[in-house]
Amino acid sequence: MPIVHYKSLKASLMTPLEKAEALYDELVAHYGEGEDREIRAAAKLLLVALAKFKQHGGPRGIALADEYLDLLKHDPDKFERIMHGNRSEGSGHWLA
């Protein structure tokens, strides 16, 4: 019987959004008690995401990124519903 590591089992049950949130948590931990560690971690993920929007979507990808930013600014409730809909059942991660 193969050995199954808890972390890999847990990761296999996570949605892609939950995996991204877990990476964010790892980046925050990486910065330790540094100043603005949450913002710095979020900025790294945003830089990678924006580069991938451009690389794989060109102008269409950048327009999609703009749509998400507009939602966050102008309809935060809808943005939160999108986030919630991309988590697994029972996940309470980042819920206020």
N, C-alpha and C. Protein backbone atom coordinates (compact mmCIF):
# COMPACT_ATOMS: atom_id res chain seq x y z
N MET A 1 0.85 -1.19 0.00
CA MET A 1 0.00 0.00 0.00
C MET A 1 0.89 1.25 0.00
N PRO A 2 0.64 2.19 -0.92
CA PRO A 2 1.49 3.39 -0.99
C PRO A 2 1.29 4.29 0.23
N ILE A 3 2.35 4.97 0.59
CA ILE A 3 2.28 5.94 1.69
C ILE A 3 1.65 7.22 1.15
N VAL A 4 0.63 7.69 1.84
CA VAL A 4 -0.04 8.93 1.45
C VAL A 4 0.29 9.97 2.49
N HIS A 5 0.91 11.03 2.09
CA HIS A 5 1.24 12.12 3.00
C HIS A 5 0.01 13.00 3.20
N TYR A 6 -0.19 13.42 4.45
CA TYR A 6 -1.35 14.24 4.79
C TYR A 6 -1.42 15.49 3.94
N LYS A 7 -0.29 16.17 3.79
CA LYS A 7 -0.28 17.43 3.04
C LYS A 7 -0.71 17.22 1.59
N SER A 8 -0.21 16.16 0.94
CA SER A 8 -0.59 15.92 -0.45
C SER A 8 -2.04 15.49 -0.55
N LEU A 9 -2.53 14.72 0.43
CA LEU A 9 -3.94 14.32 0.44
C LEU A 9 -4.83 15.55 0.61
N LYS A 10 -4.46 16.39 1.55
CA LYS A 10 -5.22 17.62 1.78
C LYS A 10 -5.22 18.48 0.52
N ALA A 11 -4.07 18.63 -0.12
CA ALA A 11 -3.96 19.45 -1.32
C ALA A 11 -4.81 18.89 -2.44
N SER A 12 -4.91 17.57 -2.53
CA SER A 12 -5.70 16.98 -3.61
C SER A 12 -7.19 17.22 -3.41
N LEU A 13 -7.61 17.55 -2.19
CA LEU A 13 -9.01 17.82 -1.91
C LEU A 13 -9.35 19.30 -2.03
N MET A 14 -8.33 20.12 -2.21
CA MET A 14 -8.54 21.57 -2.28
C MET A 14 -8.89 22.00 -3.69
N THR A 15 -9.70 23.06 -3.78
CA THR A 15 -9.99 23.66 -5.08
C THR A 15 -8.77 24.48 -5.51
N PRO A 16 -8.68 24.83 -6.79
CA PRO A 16 -7.57 25.68 -7.22
C PRO A 16 -7.49 27.00 -6.43
N LEU A 17 -8.64 27.59 -6.11
CA LEU A 17 -8.62 28.83 -5.33
C LEU A 17 -8.05 28.58 -3.94
N GLU A 18 -8.44 27.48 -3.32
CA GLU A 18 -7.93 27.16 -1.99
C GLU A 18 -6.42 26.90 -2.04
N LYS A 19 -5.93 26.30 -3.11
CA LYS A 19 -4.49 26.09 -3.26
C LYS A 19 -3.77 27.43 -3.38
N ALA A 20 -4.36 28.37 -4.11
CA ALA A 20 -3.76 29.70 -4.25
C ALA A 20 -3.76 30.42 -2.89
N GLU A 21 -4.84 30.26 -2.13
CA GLU A 21 -4.90 30.87 -0.80
C GLU A 21 -3.87 30.24 0.13
N ALA A 22 -3.65 28.94 0.02
CA ALA A 22 -2.63 28.27 0.83
C ALA A 22 -1.24 28.79 0.47
N LEU A 23 -0.99 29.01 -0.82
CA LEU A 23 0.29 29.58 -1.24
C LEU A 23 0.47 30.97 -0.67
N TYR A 24 -0.60 31.76 -0.67
CA TYR A 24 -0.55 33.09 -0.07
C TYR A 24 -0.15 32.98 1.41
N ASP A 25 -0.77 32.04 2.13
CA ASP A 25 -0.43 31.85 3.55
C ASP A 25 1.05 31.48 3.71
N GLU A 26 1.57 30.65 2.81
CA GLU A 26 2.99 30.28 2.86
C GLU A 26 3.88 31.50 2.62
N LEU A 27 3.48 32.35 1.67
CA LEU A 27 4.27 33.55 1.40
C LEU A 27 4.25 34.50 2.58
N VAL A 28 3.09 34.66 3.22
CA VAL A 28 3.00 35.51 4.40
C VAL A 28 3.95 34.98 5.48
N ALA A 29 3.91 33.67 5.69
CA ALA A 29 4.80 33.06 6.69
C ALA A 29 6.26 33.28 6.31
N HIS A 30 6.57 33.24 5.03
CA HIS A 30 7.95 33.46 4.56
C HIS A 30 8.47 34.82 5.00
N TYR A 31 7.60 35.82 5.00
CA TYR A 31 8.02 37.17 5.38
C TYR A 31 8.12 37.34 6.90
N GLY A 32 7.76 36.30 7.65
CA GLY A 32 7.90 36.35 9.11
C GLY A 32 7.13 37.51 9.70
N GLU A 33 7.81 38.26 10.52
CA GLU A 33 7.17 39.42 11.17
C GLU A 33 7.47 40.71 10.41
N GLY A 34 7.86 40.58 9.15
CA GLY A 34 8.20 41.75 8.34
C GLY A 34 7.02 42.70 8.16
N GLU A 35 7.38 43.93 7.91
CA GLU A 35 6.38 44.97 7.70
C GLU A 35 5.59 44.70 6.41
N ASP A 36 4.29 44.89 6.47
CA ASP A 36 3.40 44.73 5.31
C ASP A 36 3.50 43.34 4.68
N ARG A 37 3.72 42.33 5.49
CA ARG A 37 3.93 40.98 4.94
C ARG A 37 2.73 40.48 4.15
N GLU A 38 1.51 40.81 4.58
CA GLU A 38 0.32 40.38 3.84
C GLU A 38 0.24 41.04 2.47
N ILE A 39 0.53 42.34 2.44
CA ILE A 39 0.50 43.07 1.17
C ILE A 39 1.62 42.59 0.25
N ARG A 40 2.79 42.35 0.81
CA ARG A 40 3.92 41.87 0.00
C ARG A 40 3.60 40.51 -0.61
N ALA A 41 3.00 39.62 0.17
CA ALA A 41 2.63 38.29 -0.35
C ALA A 41 1.57 38.42 -1.43
N ALA A 42 0.57 39.26 -1.20
CA ALA A 42 -0.48 39.45 -2.20
C ALA A 42 0.09 40.06 -3.47
N ALA A 43 1.03 40.98 -3.32
CA ALA A 43 1.64 41.62 -4.49
C ALA A 43 2.38 40.60 -5.35
N LYS A 44 3.07 39.66 -4.71
CA LYS A 44 3.79 38.64 -5.49
C LYS A 44 2.82 37.80 -6.30
N LEU A 45 1.72 37.38 -5.68
CA LEU A 45 0.72 36.60 -6.40
C LEU A 45 0.08 37.42 -7.52
N LEU A 46 -0.17 38.69 -7.25
CA LEU A 46 -0.77 39.55 -8.27
C LEU A 46 0.17 39.72 -9.46
N LEU A 47 1.45 39.93 -9.19
CA LEU A 47 2.41 40.07 -10.29
C LEU A 47 2.43 38.83 -11.17
N VAL A 48 2.46 37.66 -10.55
CA VAL A 48 2.45 36.41 -11.33
C VAL A 48 1.15 36.29 -12.11
N ALA A 49 0.02 36.57 -11.45
CA ALA A 49 -1.28 36.46 -12.12
C ALA A 49 -1.38 37.41 -13.31
N LEU A 50 -0.97 38.66 -13.12
CA LEU A 50 -1.05 39.62 -14.22
C LEU A 50 -0.16 39.20 -15.38
N ALA A 51 1.02 38.70 -15.08
CA ALA A 51 1.91 38.23 -16.15
C ALA A 51 1.27 37.08 -16.91
N LYS A 52 0.59 36.18 -16.20
CA LYS A 52 -0.06 35.05 -16.85
C LYS A 52 -1.29 35.49 -17.65
N PHE A 53 -2.03 36.48 -17.15
CA PHE A 53 -3.15 37.03 -17.93
C PHE A 53 -2.64 37.54 -19.26
N LYS A 54 -1.55 38.30 -19.23
CA LYS A 54 -0.99 38.87 -20.45
C LYS A 54 -0.41 37.78 -21.34
N GLN A 55 0.36 36.87 -20.76
CA GLN A 55 1.04 35.83 -21.52
C GLN A 55 0.04 34.91 -22.22
N HIS A 56 -1.00 34.51 -21.54
CA HIS A 56 -1.91 33.51 -22.10
C HIS A 56 -3.18 34.09 -22.70
N GLY A 57 -3.47 35.34 -22.40
CA GLY A 57 -4.71 35.92 -22.90
C GLY A 57 -4.54 37.17 -23.72
N GLY A 58 -3.32 37.75 -23.69
CA GLY A 58 -3.10 38.99 -24.42
C GLY A 58 -4.07 40.07 -23.96
N PRO A 59 -4.56 40.90 -24.88
CA PRO A 59 -5.49 41.96 -24.52
C PRO A 59 -6.77 41.43 -23.86
N ARG A 60 -7.22 40.26 -24.31
CA ARG A 60 -8.42 39.65 -23.71
C ARG A 60 -8.17 39.28 -22.25
N GLY A 61 -6.97 38.78 -21.95
CA GLY A 61 -6.61 38.44 -20.57
C GLY A 61 -6.51 39.66 -19.69
N ILE A 62 -5.93 40.72 -20.23
CA ILE A 62 -5.83 41.97 -19.46
C ILE A 62 -7.21 42.55 -19.20
N ALA A 63 -8.12 42.44 -20.18
CA ALA A 63 -9.49 42.92 -20.00
C ALA A 63 -10.18 42.12 -18.88
N LEU A 64 -9.93 40.81 -18.82
CA LEU A 64 -10.52 39.99 -17.77
C LEU A 64 -9.98 40.41 -16.40
N ALA A 65 -8.68 40.69 -16.31
CA ALA A 65 -8.09 41.17 -15.06
C ALA A 65 -8.76 42.49 -14.65
N ASP A 66 -8.97 43.37 -15.62
CA ASP A 66 -9.66 44.64 -15.34
C ASP A 66 -11.07 44.40 -14.80
N GLU A 67 -11.77 43.41 -15.37
CA GLU A 67 -13.13 43.10 -14.90
C GLU A 67 -13.11 42.67 -13.43
N TYR A 68 -12.15 41.84 -13.06
CA TYR A 68 -12.06 41.42 -11.66
C TYR A 68 -11.75 42.60 -10.74
N LEU A 69 -10.85 43.49 -11.17
CA LEU A 69 -10.55 44.67 -10.35
C LEU A 69 -11.76 45.59 -10.23
N ASP A 70 -12.50 45.76 -11.33
CA ASP A 70 -13.72 46.58 -11.27
C ASP A 70 -14.75 45.98 -10.32
N LEU A 71 -14.89 44.66 -10.36
CA LEU A 71 -15.81 43.99 -9.43
C LEU A 71 -15.40 44.24 -7.99
N LEU A 72 -14.13 44.10 -7.72
CA LEU A 72 -13.63 44.30 -6.36
C LEU A 72 -13.91 45.72 -5.88
N LYS A 73 -13.74 46.69 -6.77
CA LYS A 73 -13.95 48.09 -6.40
C LYS A 73 -15.41 48.47 -6.33
N HIS A 74 -16.21 48.00 -7.29
CA HIS A 74 -17.58 48.52 -7.44
C HIS A 74 -18.68 47.56 -7.00
N ASP A 75 -18.39 46.28 -6.88
CA ASP A 75 -19.40 45.31 -6.44
C ASP A 75 -18.73 44.24 -5.59
N PRO A 76 -18.23 44.65 -4.40
CA PRO A 76 -17.49 43.71 -3.56
C PRO A 76 -18.32 42.49 -3.13
N ASP A 77 -19.63 42.66 -3.02
CA ASP A 77 -20.47 41.51 -2.65
C ASP A 77 -20.45 40.44 -3.75
N LYS A 78 -20.53 40.86 -5.00
CA LYS A 78 -20.48 39.91 -6.11
C LYS A 78 -19.10 39.27 -6.17
N PHE A 79 -18.06 40.05 -5.94
CA PHE A 79 -16.70 39.52 -5.93
C PHE A 79 -16.59 38.43 -4.86
N GLU A 80 -17.12 38.69 -3.67
CA GLU A 80 -17.06 37.70 -2.59
C GLU A 80 -17.86 36.45 -2.94
N ARG A 81 -18.99 36.61 -3.63
CA ARG A 81 -19.77 35.44 -4.06
C ARG A 81 -18.98 34.59 -5.05
N ILE A 82 -18.24 35.23 -5.94
CA ILE A 82 -17.39 34.50 -6.88
C ILE A 82 -16.31 33.74 -6.10
N MET A 83 -15.68 34.41 -5.15
CA MET A 83 -14.67 33.75 -4.33
C MET A 83 -15.26 32.56 -3.59
N HIS A 84 -16.39 32.77 -2.96
CA HIS A 84 -17.04 31.70 -2.19
C HIS A 84 -17.42 30.53 -3.10
N GLY A 85 -17.88 30.82 -4.30
CA GLY A 85 -18.29 29.78 -5.23
C GLY A 85 -17.12 28.95 -5.75
N ASN A 86 -15.91 29.44 -5.56
CA ASN A 86 -14.73 28.72 -6.01
C ASN A 86 -14.02 27.98 -4.89
N ARG A 87 -14.68 27.90 -3.74
CA ARG A 87 -14.15 27.12 -2.62
C ARG A 87 -14.97 25.86 -2.47
N SER A 88 -14.38 24.87 -1.83
CA SER A 88 -15.10 23.61 -1.61
C SER A 88 -16.14 23.80 -0.52
N GLU A 89 -17.08 22.88 -0.48
CA GLU A 89 -18.10 22.90 0.57
C GLU A 89 -17.42 22.83 1.92
N GLY A 90 -17.89 23.61 2.85
CA GLY A 90 -17.37 23.54 4.20
C GLY A 90 -16.10 24.33 4.43
N SER A 91 -15.53 24.90 3.40
CA SER A 91 -14.31 25.68 3.59
C SER A 91 -14.68 27.03 4.18
N GLY A 92 -14.07 27.36 5.28
CA GLY A 92 -14.34 28.65 5.90
C GLY A 92 -13.18 29.61 5.73
N HIS A 93 -12.26 29.27 4.84
CA HIS A 93 -11.05 30.08 4.67
C HIS A 93 -11.42 31.49 4.24
N TRP A 94 -10.91 32.45 4.97
CA TRP A 94 -11.04 33.88 4.68
C TRP A 94 -12.46 34.40 4.77
N LEU A 95 -13.35 33.67 5.37
CA LEU A 95 -14.71 34.20 5.50
C LEU A 95 -14.79 35.06 6.74
N ALA A 96 -15.42 36.22 6.58
CA ALA A 96 -15.53 37.16 7.72
C ALA A 96 -16.69 36.79 8.61
